[in-house]
Structure formats: structure tokens, C-alpha cells
Amino acid sequence: MEYSPVRRVVTGHDADGRAIIQEDGPVSRVQRVGGEIGPIFHEVWNTTQTPAPIDAASDEPDEGGITLAPPKGGTRIRILDIPPEGDGIREMTAEEAKAHFAEVGAGSASAHGGQNSRHALMHRTETIDYGIVLDGELVLIMDEGETTVRAGDIVIQRGTNHGWSNRSDRNCRIAFILIDGTFEPDLKR
């Protein structure tokens, strides 16, 4: 799958407190997850706490690899390029799905329950996610129901079990802003 690089512009302050462009270029952390059938993660930025400290010119907090959820108490923004779905996903076993999520440190997020699963990549995280479709379309699959979202649509994902299916014939690019959350006791599983 071909994809366009994601440009990241980071602002900061110089020694005199004036606003500057600190960095301008492609994101440096890009990784395909799940082999040739999986999405490409473009990691844009993360914070390790909320409220996030704003200083003169620090870099993004260091992380090793790609992690699905934001840091505990923090936030994350990423762009995903999701290719059209094929048999590799439709025929994925529960063990393969768990391994897919384990590549991003979230094997326990996988909710694939075998033949009764609505989608092989159903998952749940303890986060609030804002998903903004930039190009193409995806089907958002829930435990009950599904809907197609297209360029310009915004999904507010509130810690629910869900999956994404690209049933079109072209790539979908979606931006996700993830905010660490805490389940109320009656929503924990």
C-alpha cells in the first residue's frame, strides 16, 4: 500500500519567549502493524500527563515503539492508513487477532471471541478517542449495529468495544486523538 508521509509542525519558544517553529517535517515513527494486511501507524505526538506542561522547547516524550493507548494520564495523536480489508482479516483467528494487538502493546484489548465475533479486530481500550476521517471511508462496527463514516466525519469513541472495517477498494486515512480515561465501576469487564 502506498501512503503519503504525514507532516508534523511543532511550535515552541526561543530564549526570549517568542513563538517559533521548532520542527517541520515528516513524523519519524511510522510502522505497519499486522503485516501486509495491517494499517500503517504514523505516530504524531504524545503527552504523559494532563494538563500537559508547556515549556520553551522540549521534544515529544520518548517512547519505544508504537503503543495503542496513550500514556497513563496522557494523550496521543496518530494518523492511521487502513487498507481495504481482505480475507486475511476476515479469516483471522482469535490468537492471530491478539498477536496483532500485541504488536502495539495491547494484546488484552482484543475482543475477538471466535466465530461469534462481529469482526476479527474488535477491541476496547480505557480511553476517549476522537476519530476524524481524512480520506476514504470505514465501517465502525459495534457490539450492536454499525455505521459507515467518510471524509469529514468524526467519531467520539467512549471506551466501547468496536472494530474498523475498510470495505471499500481504496485506503482510508483517519486521525485519532486518544485521551487516557477511567472506566466507571459498572463498565469494567
Foldseek 3Di string as FASTA:
>chain_A
DDDDFDWAWDWFADPVRDIDTQDIGGQDAWDFFLPPQGKIKRWHAKAQAPVGDHHGHDDGPDDPHAADAGHARMKTKIKIKHAAHDVCFVVDALVSLLRRNVNRPPSVQFPDDGPPDPTRNWGFDQKWKKKAWQAAKKWKAAPPDIDIDGHGDIDTDHRGTIDIHRNDRGITMMMMMIGHHDDDVVPDD
